[in-house]
Protein backbone atom coordinates (compact mmCIF):
# COMPACT_ATOMS: atom_id res chain seq x y z
CA MET A 1 -58.13 169.37 -88.55
CA GLU A 2 -56.63 166.13 -88.14
CA GLY A 3 -54.86 166.43 -92.03
CA SER A 4 -53.31 170.35 -90.69
CA TYR A 5 -52.00 168.40 -87.39
CA GLY A 6 -50.19 166.24 -90.14
CA ARG A 7 -49.37 168.72 -92.66
CA ASN A 8 -48.06 171.03 -89.71
CA VAL A 9 -46.15 168.83 -88.19
CA LYS A 10 -44.41 167.88 -91.78
CA ALA A 11 -44.14 171.61 -92.03
CA HIS A 12 -41.46 171.26 -88.76
CA GLY A 13 -39.91 168.71 -89.86
CA GLY A 14 -41.61 166.32 -87.12
CA GLY A 15 -42.03 163.27 -89.38
CA HIS A 16 -40.69 161.01 -86.70
CA GLY A 17 -42.42 161.42 -84.18
CA ALA A 18 -43.63 164.21 -81.81
CA PRO A 19 -42.58 167.58 -83.68
CA HIS A 20 -39.26 168.77 -81.19
CA GLN A 21 -39.37 171.47 -78.78
CA MET A 22 -36.12 173.53 -77.21
CA GLN A 23 -35.93 171.91 -73.72
CA PRO A 24 -34.95 175.14 -71.15
CA GLY A 25 -31.21 174.51 -70.49
CA GLY A 26 -31.61 171.68 -73.17
CA ARG A 27 -28.45 174.33 -75.27
CA GLY A 28 -26.24 174.83 -71.51
CA ARG A 29 -25.92 171.21 -71.16
CA SER A 30 -25.07 170.23 -74.60
CA ARG A 31 -22.39 172.21 -74.72
CA ARG A 32 -21.54 171.12 -71.20
CA LYS A 33 -21.26 167.77 -72.71
CA LYS A 34 -18.77 168.38 -75.18
CA LEU A 35 -16.63 170.21 -72.23
CA PRO A 36 -13.81 167.85 -71.54
CA ILE A 37 -14.43 166.02 -68.29
CA TRP A 38 -11.05 167.77 -66.16
CA LEU A 39 -12.62 171.44 -67.12
CA VAL A 40 -16.52 170.54 -66.28
CA ILE A 41 -14.87 169.41 -63.19
CA ALA A 42 -12.78 171.91 -62.19
CA ILE A 43 -14.99 174.72 -63.24
CA ASP A 44 -17.78 173.45 -60.72
CA VAL A 45 -15.26 173.37 -57.72
CA LEU A 46 -14.16 176.89 -59.63
CA LEU A 47 -18.07 177.26 -58.62
CA ALA A 48 -18.32 176.26 -55.21
CA ALA A 49 -15.47 178.37 -54.21
CA LEU A 50 -16.66 181.01 -54.30
CA LEU A 51 -19.36 180.36 -52.62
CA LEU A 52 -18.70 179.34 -50.06
CA GLY A 53 -16.02 183.04 -50.24
CA ILE A 54 -18.63 185.10 -50.66
CA PHE A 55 -20.44 183.58 -47.84
CA TYR A 56 -17.55 183.26 -45.58
CA ILE A 57 -16.78 187.38 -46.41
CA PHE A 58 -21.40 187.84 -45.44
CA GLN A 59 -20.55 185.63 -42.48
CA TYR A 60 -17.39 186.57 -41.07
CA GLU A 61 -15.46 189.16 -42.23
CA ILE A 62 -18.64 191.74 -43.44
CA LYS A 63 -20.50 192.87 -39.87
CA PRO A 64 -23.48 195.29 -39.73
CA GLU A 65 -21.43 198.27 -37.44
CA VAL A 66 -23.28 198.73 -34.03
CA GLN A 67 -23.24 202.08 -30.99
CA GLY A 68 -22.96 201.60 -27.96
CA LYS A 69 -24.75 203.12 -25.08
CA PRO A 70 -23.90 204.32 -22.70
CA LEU A 71 -25.17 202.01 -19.04
CA PRO A 72 -26.00 203.76 -16.11
CA GLY A 73 -23.49 204.22 -12.99
CA ALA A 74 -20.58 203.30 -15.30
CA THR A 75 -17.54 204.37 -15.14
CA ALA A 76 -13.95 204.09 -16.28
CA MET A 77 -13.24 206.64 -13.39
CA ALA A 78 -12.84 203.93 -10.54
CA GLN A 79 -10.55 206.39 -8.39
CA SER A 80 -10.19 210.24 -7.62
CA GLN A 81 -6.67 210.04 -7.51
CA PRO A 82 -4.95 211.93 -10.40
CA SER A 83 -3.07 210.71 -12.55
CA ALA A 84 0.09 211.54 -12.29
CA PRO A 85 2.15 212.52 -16.17
CA PRO A 86 4.54 209.79 -17.80
CA ALA A 87 8.04 211.04 -17.92
CA ALA A 88 10.57 209.14 -20.49
CA SER A 89 13.63 207.14 -18.86
CA ASP A 90 16.98 206.52 -21.01
CA ALA A 91 17.64 204.01 -17.84
CA PRO A 92 15.59 200.75 -17.93
CA ALA A 93 15.64 198.57 -14.78
CA ALA A 94 17.37 195.98 -15.25
CA ALA A 95 14.85 193.09 -16.03
CA PRO A 96 12.55 191.75 -12.02
CA SER A 97 12.30 188.19 -11.07
CA ALA A 98 10.09 186.39 -12.59
CA THR A 99 6.42 185.82 -10.58
CA THR A 100 6.09 182.17 -10.03
CA PRO A 101 2.11 180.94 -9.71
CA THR A 102 2.82 180.03 -6.12
CA GLU A 103 3.84 183.51 -4.46
CA GLU A 104 1.50 184.89 -2.34
CA TYR A 105 0.73 189.09 -2.44
CA PRO A 106 1.43 190.30 1.02
CA ALA A 107 -1.79 192.99 1.61
CA ALA A 108 -1.65 195.81 1.65
CA SER A 109 -1.80 198.19 5.20
CA PRO A 110 -5.27 199.11 7.50
CA SER A 111 -4.89 202.28 7.56
CA ILE A 112 -4.41 202.20 3.01
CA ASP A 113 -7.94 203.43 1.86
CA PRO A 114 -8.23 200.37 -0.21
CA ASN A 115 -10.61 201.47 -3.06
CA ASP A 116 -7.06 204.08 -2.56
CA TRP A 117 -5.02 201.33 -5.22
CA ARG A 118 -2.79 203.58 -6.42
CA ALA A 119 -1.93 204.33 -2.44
CA LYS A 120 -2.80 200.67 -1.84
CA PHE A 121 -0.06 199.39 -5.25
CA ALA A 122 2.63 202.61 -4.09
CA ASP A 123 5.96 199.66 -4.87
CA LYS A 124 4.41 198.94 -7.36
CA PHE A 125 4.90 202.31 -9.51
CA THR A 126 6.80 205.11 -9.87
CA GLU A 127 6.66 208.31 -9.01
CA GLY A 128 6.98 209.93 -12.79
CA ASP A 129 9.24 208.19 -14.85
CA VAL A 130 8.37 204.89 -17.64
CA VAL A 131 11.10 202.35 -16.01
CA SER A 132 10.37 199.45 -19.24
CA THR A 133 12.54 195.57 -20.16
CA ASP A 134 11.95 193.31 -22.29
CA THR A 135 9.81 191.77 -20.26
CA SER A 136 8.72 194.54 -17.50
CA TYR A 137 6.99 198.07 -17.87
CA LYS A 138 6.53 200.27 -14.61
CA SER A 139 5.11 203.98 -14.72
CA ALA A 140 3.41 206.32 -12.05
CA ASN A 141 -0.04 204.03 -13.57
CA VAL A 142 0.30 200.46 -15.19
CA SER A 143 2.41 198.47 -13.67
CA ILE A 144 3.04 194.98 -16.21
CA GLU A 145 5.73 191.93 -15.53
CA ILE A 146 5.30 189.57 -18.17
CA GLN A 147 6.78 185.69 -16.92
CA THR A 148 7.05 183.17 -19.92
CA PHE A 149 7.73 179.12 -19.43
CA MET A 150 7.65 175.06 -20.22
CA LYS A 151 5.36 172.96 -19.07
CA GLY A 152 6.95 170.20 -21.32
CA ASP A 153 6.74 171.05 -24.76
CA VAL A 154 3.35 174.34 -24.00
CA PRO A 155 4.48 178.05 -23.35
CA TYR A 156 3.11 179.83 -21.39
CA TYR A 157 2.77 183.55 -21.54
CA ILE A 158 1.44 185.24 -18.39
CA ALA A 159 1.16 189.31 -17.71
CA ASP A 160 1.30 190.48 -13.77
CA ILE A 161 -0.47 193.38 -13.72
CA TYR A 162 -1.61 196.61 -11.48
CA VAL A 163 -3.62 199.68 -12.33
CA ALA A 164 -3.77 202.74 -10.40
CA ASP A 165 -6.94 204.16 -11.67
CA LEU A 166 -10.12 201.62 -13.90
CA LYS A 167 -9.52 203.82 -16.72
CA TYR A 168 -5.90 202.39 -17.98
CA PHE A 169 -7.76 198.80 -18.45
CA ARG A 170 -9.51 199.22 -20.81
CA THR A 171 -11.74 197.42 -23.87
CA ALA A 172 -10.92 198.73 -27.59
CA PHE A 173 -13.19 197.16 -31.43
CA ALA A 174 -10.89 196.51 -34.16
CA LYS A 175 -11.26 199.76 -37.50
CA LYS A 176 -13.21 201.85 -34.56
CA PRO A 177 -12.43 201.10 -31.04
CA ASP A 178 -16.52 202.80 -29.73
CA VAL A 179 -17.98 200.66 -32.91
CA MET A 180 -18.51 196.61 -33.13
CA GLY A 181 -18.39 195.39 -36.68
CA GLY A 182 -14.99 195.86 -37.29
CA SER A 183 -11.99 192.82 -37.72
CA GLU A 184 -7.86 193.53 -37.69
CA LEU A 185 -5.20 191.69 -36.46
CA THR A 186 -4.68 191.59 -32.76
CA ASP A 187 -1.41 194.07 -32.82
CA LYS A 188 -3.15 196.06 -35.33
CA VAL A 189 -5.96 197.41 -33.28
CA ALA A 190 -3.33 197.37 -29.94
CA ARG A 191 -1.08 199.41 -31.97
CA GLU A 192 -4.53 202.24 -33.13
CA ASN A 193 -5.45 202.47 -29.60
CA GLY A 194 -2.39 202.64 -28.14
CA ALA A 195 -1.71 200.01 -25.96
CA ILE A 196 1.10 198.61 -23.58
CA LEU A 197 -0.31 195.02 -23.43
CA ALA A 198 -3.64 193.51 -25.27
CA ILE A 199 -4.79 189.87 -25.77
CA ASN A 200 -7.83 189.86 -28.09
CA GLY A 201 -11.29 189.37 -26.37
CA ASP A 202 -14.24 187.46 -26.67
CA HIS A 203 -15.23 187.46 -30.50
CA CYS A 204 -17.70 189.32 -29.17
CA THR A 205 -19.49 189.69 -33.73
CA GLN A 206 -19.54 185.76 -33.67
CA ASN A 207 -21.21 184.86 -29.30
CA TYR A 208 -24.38 186.96 -29.35
CA GLY A 209 -24.78 187.48 -26.85
CA THR A 210 -24.58 190.88 -23.96
CA VAL A 211 -21.55 192.13 -24.97
CA VAL A 212 -20.48 196.23 -22.57
CA ARG A 213 -16.66 197.63 -23.22
CA ASN A 214 -16.57 200.82 -21.23
CA GLY A 215 -20.36 201.11 -20.23
CA GLN A 216 -21.48 201.22 -23.12
CA LEU A 217 -24.11 198.33 -23.92
CA TYR A 218 -23.92 196.70 -27.84
CA ARG A 219 -25.48 193.98 -27.21
CA LYS A 220 -28.66 192.46 -24.77
CA PRO A 221 -29.88 189.34 -25.25
CA LYS A 222 -27.71 186.42 -23.43
CA SER A 223 -26.89 183.33 -24.57
CA GLY A 224 -25.89 180.35 -23.60
CA ASN A 225 -21.98 181.23 -22.32
CA ASP A 226 -20.62 181.55 -19.36
CA VAL A 227 -20.05 185.42 -18.72
CA LEU A 228 -16.89 187.37 -17.52
CA VAL A 229 -18.46 190.94 -16.04
CA MET A 230 -15.91 194.15 -14.68
CA TYR A 231 -17.51 195.73 -12.10
CA SER A 232 -17.35 199.99 -11.73
CA ASP A 233 -16.06 199.63 -8.78
CA GLY A 234 -12.90 197.58 -10.83
CA SER A 235 -14.27 193.99 -9.40
CA MET A 236 -15.12 190.57 -11.66
CA LYS A 237 -16.94 187.75 -11.65
CA THR A 238 -17.76 185.60 -13.28
CA PHE A 239 -21.17 183.85 -14.43
CA SER A 240 -23.23 181.10 -15.29
CA PRO A 241 -25.44 181.39 -18.14
CA ASN A 242 -28.76 180.09 -15.45
CA ASP A 243 -27.11 182.63 -12.93
CA PHE A 244 -26.73 185.80 -15.20
CA ASP A 245 -29.72 188.44 -15.17
CA VAL A 246 -29.14 191.04 -17.39
CA ASP A 247 -31.32 193.11 -16.10
CA SER A 248 -30.13 193.36 -12.18
CA THR A 249 -26.89 193.32 -13.52
CA LEU A 250 -26.59 196.23 -16.10
CA SER A 251 -27.96 198.01 -13.59
CA SER A 252 -25.23 197.78 -10.90
CA GLY A 253 -22.47 199.38 -12.59
CA VAL A 254 -21.28 198.13 -15.43
CA TYR A 255 -17.46 198.96 -17.63
CA GLN A 256 -17.00 195.16 -19.70
CA ILE A 257 -19.05 191.99 -19.86
CA TRP A 258 -16.96 189.25 -22.28
CA THR A 259 -18.69 186.27 -23.03
CA PHE A 260 -16.97 183.80 -24.70
CA GLY A 261 -16.05 180.97 -21.16
CA PRO A 262 -16.04 179.14 -19.64
CA MET A 263 -15.55 180.12 -16.44
CA LEU A 264 -12.23 178.00 -15.16
CA LEU A 265 -13.54 177.94 -11.56
CA GLN A 266 -15.44 177.13 -8.83
CA ASN A 267 -14.48 178.64 -5.21
CA GLY A 268 -11.49 179.91 -6.03
CA GLN A 269 -10.86 175.92 -6.43
CA ALA A 270 -9.45 174.09 -10.64
CA MET A 271 -12.67 172.33 -11.81
CA THR A 272 -12.96 168.82 -13.59
CA GLU A 273 -16.64 169.71 -16.76
CA PHE A 274 -17.26 173.04 -18.55
CA ASN A 275 -19.68 175.09 -20.19
CA SER A 276 -17.83 174.23 -23.56
CA THR A 277 -17.44 171.99 -26.35
CA VAL A 278 -14.12 173.27 -26.78
CA GLN A 279 -11.82 171.18 -24.04
CA ARG A 280 -8.70 169.23 -25.88
CA SER A 281 -5.39 170.88 -26.39
CA ASN A 282 -5.16 173.78 -27.46
CA PRO A 283 -3.83 177.87 -27.44
CA ARG A 284 -5.67 179.74 -24.85
CA THR A 285 -6.60 183.01 -24.27
CA ALA A 286 -7.56 183.50 -19.93
CA ILE A 287 -8.35 186.62 -18.02
CA VAL A 288 -7.88 186.52 -14.23
CA TYR A 289 -8.98 187.95 -10.84
CA PHE A 290 -6.84 189.19 -7.82
CA GLU A 291 -8.83 191.65 -6.42
CA PRO A 292 -9.80 195.25 -7.62
CA GLY A 293 -6.91 196.82 -9.53
CA HIS A 294 -4.95 193.71 -9.38
CA TYR A 295 -5.35 191.57 -12.95
CA CYS A 296 -3.80 189.45 -15.77
CA PHE A 297 -3.35 188.67 -19.02
CA VAL A 298 -2.38 184.56 -19.65
CA VAL A 299 -1.79 183.56 -23.36
CA ILE A 300 -1.14 180.23 -24.40
CA GLY A 301 0.88 178.95 -27.52
CA GLY A 302 -0.61 175.93 -29.84
CA ARG A 303 -1.18 174.33 -33.19
CA GLN A 304 1.94 174.20 -34.28
CA SER A 305 3.09 171.55 -35.52
CA GLY A 306 6.35 169.06 -33.36
CA TYR A 307 6.25 171.86 -30.76
CA SER A 308 3.03 172.39 -28.84
CA LEU A 309 -0.68 171.96 -29.24
CA GLY A 310 -1.85 173.70 -26.32
CA CYS A 311 -3.63 173.35 -22.86
CA THR A 312 -6.86 171.41 -22.26
CA MET A 313 -9.16 173.14 -20.51
CA GLN A 314 -8.78 171.67 -16.62
CA GLU A 315 -5.11 172.01 -17.46
CA LEU A 316 -5.92 175.41 -18.01
CA SER A 317 -8.36 175.95 -15.04
CA GLN A 318 -5.06 174.10 -12.99
CA LEU A 319 -3.28 176.52 -14.02
CA MET A 320 -5.33 179.14 -12.13
CA GLU A 321 -5.84 176.90 -8.98
CA GLU A 322 -1.95 177.65 -8.69
CA LEU A 323 -2.29 181.07 -9.22
CA GLY A 324 -4.06 182.07 -6.12
CA CYS A 325 -7.01 184.08 -8.21
CA ALA A 326 -10.52 185.08 -7.28
CA GLU A 327 -11.63 184.31 -10.52
CA ALA A 328 -10.82 183.13 -14.15
CA TYR A 329 -12.17 183.09 -17.59
CA ASN A 330 -11.28 182.37 -20.77
CA LEU A 331 -11.19 183.77 -24.01
CA ASP A 332 -11.03 183.34 -27.71
CA GLY A 333 -8.35 181.00 -28.53
CA GLY A 334 -7.34 178.24 -31.57
CA ARG A 335 -5.52 181.20 -33.83
CA SER A 336 -7.26 183.79 -31.74
CA ALA A 337 -4.84 183.80 -29.26
CA GLU A 338 -2.52 185.88 -29.85
CA MET A 339 -0.21 188.10 -26.65
CA ILE A 340 0.98 191.91 -28.01
CA PHE A 341 3.44 193.41 -25.31
CA MET A 342 5.02 197.14 -26.39
CA ASP A 343 4.53 196.54 -30.47
CA LYS A 344 5.55 193.58 -30.30
CA MET A 345 3.87 189.72 -30.03
CA LEU A 346 5.20 187.38 -27.56
CA ASN A 347 3.60 184.43 -28.50
CA HIS A 348 3.83 182.59 -32.35
CA GLN A 349 0.79 181.25 -34.53
CA ASP A 350 1.22 179.44 -37.59
CA ARG A 351 -1.72 180.99 -39.12
CA ARG A 352 -3.25 184.05 -37.44
CA ARG A 353 -6.70 184.90 -37.41
CA THR A 354 -8.18 188.56 -37.58
CA THR A 355 -10.21 189.91 -34.20
CA PRO A 356 -12.48 192.10 -33.40
CA ASP A 357 -11.68 193.21 -29.80
CA ILE A 358 -8.77 193.67 -27.93
CA VAL A 359 -9.26 194.34 -24.01
CA TYR A 360 -6.49 195.70 -23.28
CA ILE A 361 -3.44 198.25 -20.34
CA THR A 362 -2.10 200.91 -21.75
CA ASP A 363 -0.97 204.63 -19.72
CA ASN A 364 -2.96 206.38 -22.32
CA PRO A 365 -7.23 206.49 -21.40
CA GLU A 366 -7.03 208.38 -24.29
CA GLY A 367 -6.47 205.96 -26.17
CA GLN A 368 -4.33 207.99 -28.73
CA PRO A 369 -1.30 206.05 -30.28
């Protein structure tokens, strides 16, 4: 037996020790050793980039499509007044004077039904014509006036909004307006949905909190973020995670729910502590609520080297107090922060990011451009 083993070793060329066995992957390692070191490094970098690219696509670009479910009592028809059809006008009016943040809005006459927004804000709407400028839009259903100003080197864009009916205040998802999961640039989503004015939303596909859009529930579980609820009567309210009861809220007639935050006011006063880890200077997007039928969109520019860094969360909160609003809420910011008016992007971004959803004002609730 021992002699037989020796003969087998010799037959396999093993006279100088143990028999040679090919190790798994040995040939691959041998070939890599023959390559120049710079080429090995380049291959490793390319493979790492490929893996990162695949991860990014599946993590941020490819999302499962989610269909909404109607909520009880949710409706976009807050008012019973019929809408007056808009008519084109070849003679736009002169641009209105800009509204200052501290301006007070006159109270409606006691004889006017506060739920009748068309009558309550009658001076904000036209008799049917559409009158627009580079900074304003007025029709029988919608009134928008945009103020742009600088604080230091930071540009602020404030859109004062009145609607005659809640149905003119809408949200839409990218690619398919009623299906959550897509992602496109804000101006493209705005154009596809006939938006007059639009801002980016709460980046809902990444936040994993409760999502309601136009009276449809897309995701129920709540997260640790602050929440903004828009009810079917046009009112808005912000909630901390501890105060937000999902079931009772969803049964109370909800039109929209955004999950991002943080909330920017506490009882109408500016805050100094926020439920957010991103409080340094950044581009910002916010929704402002005065009363049912009266809202405001705010976008603050930033991340422009040598020009503007944006504002801190505390500075944004202070602006909300100066505006005199009842509720204010921070949406997705950074490279997502954009305001689109009449198909034009008002703020500037050095690098743009696609968005899964927008908040917008339209004269055409059917969503046709």
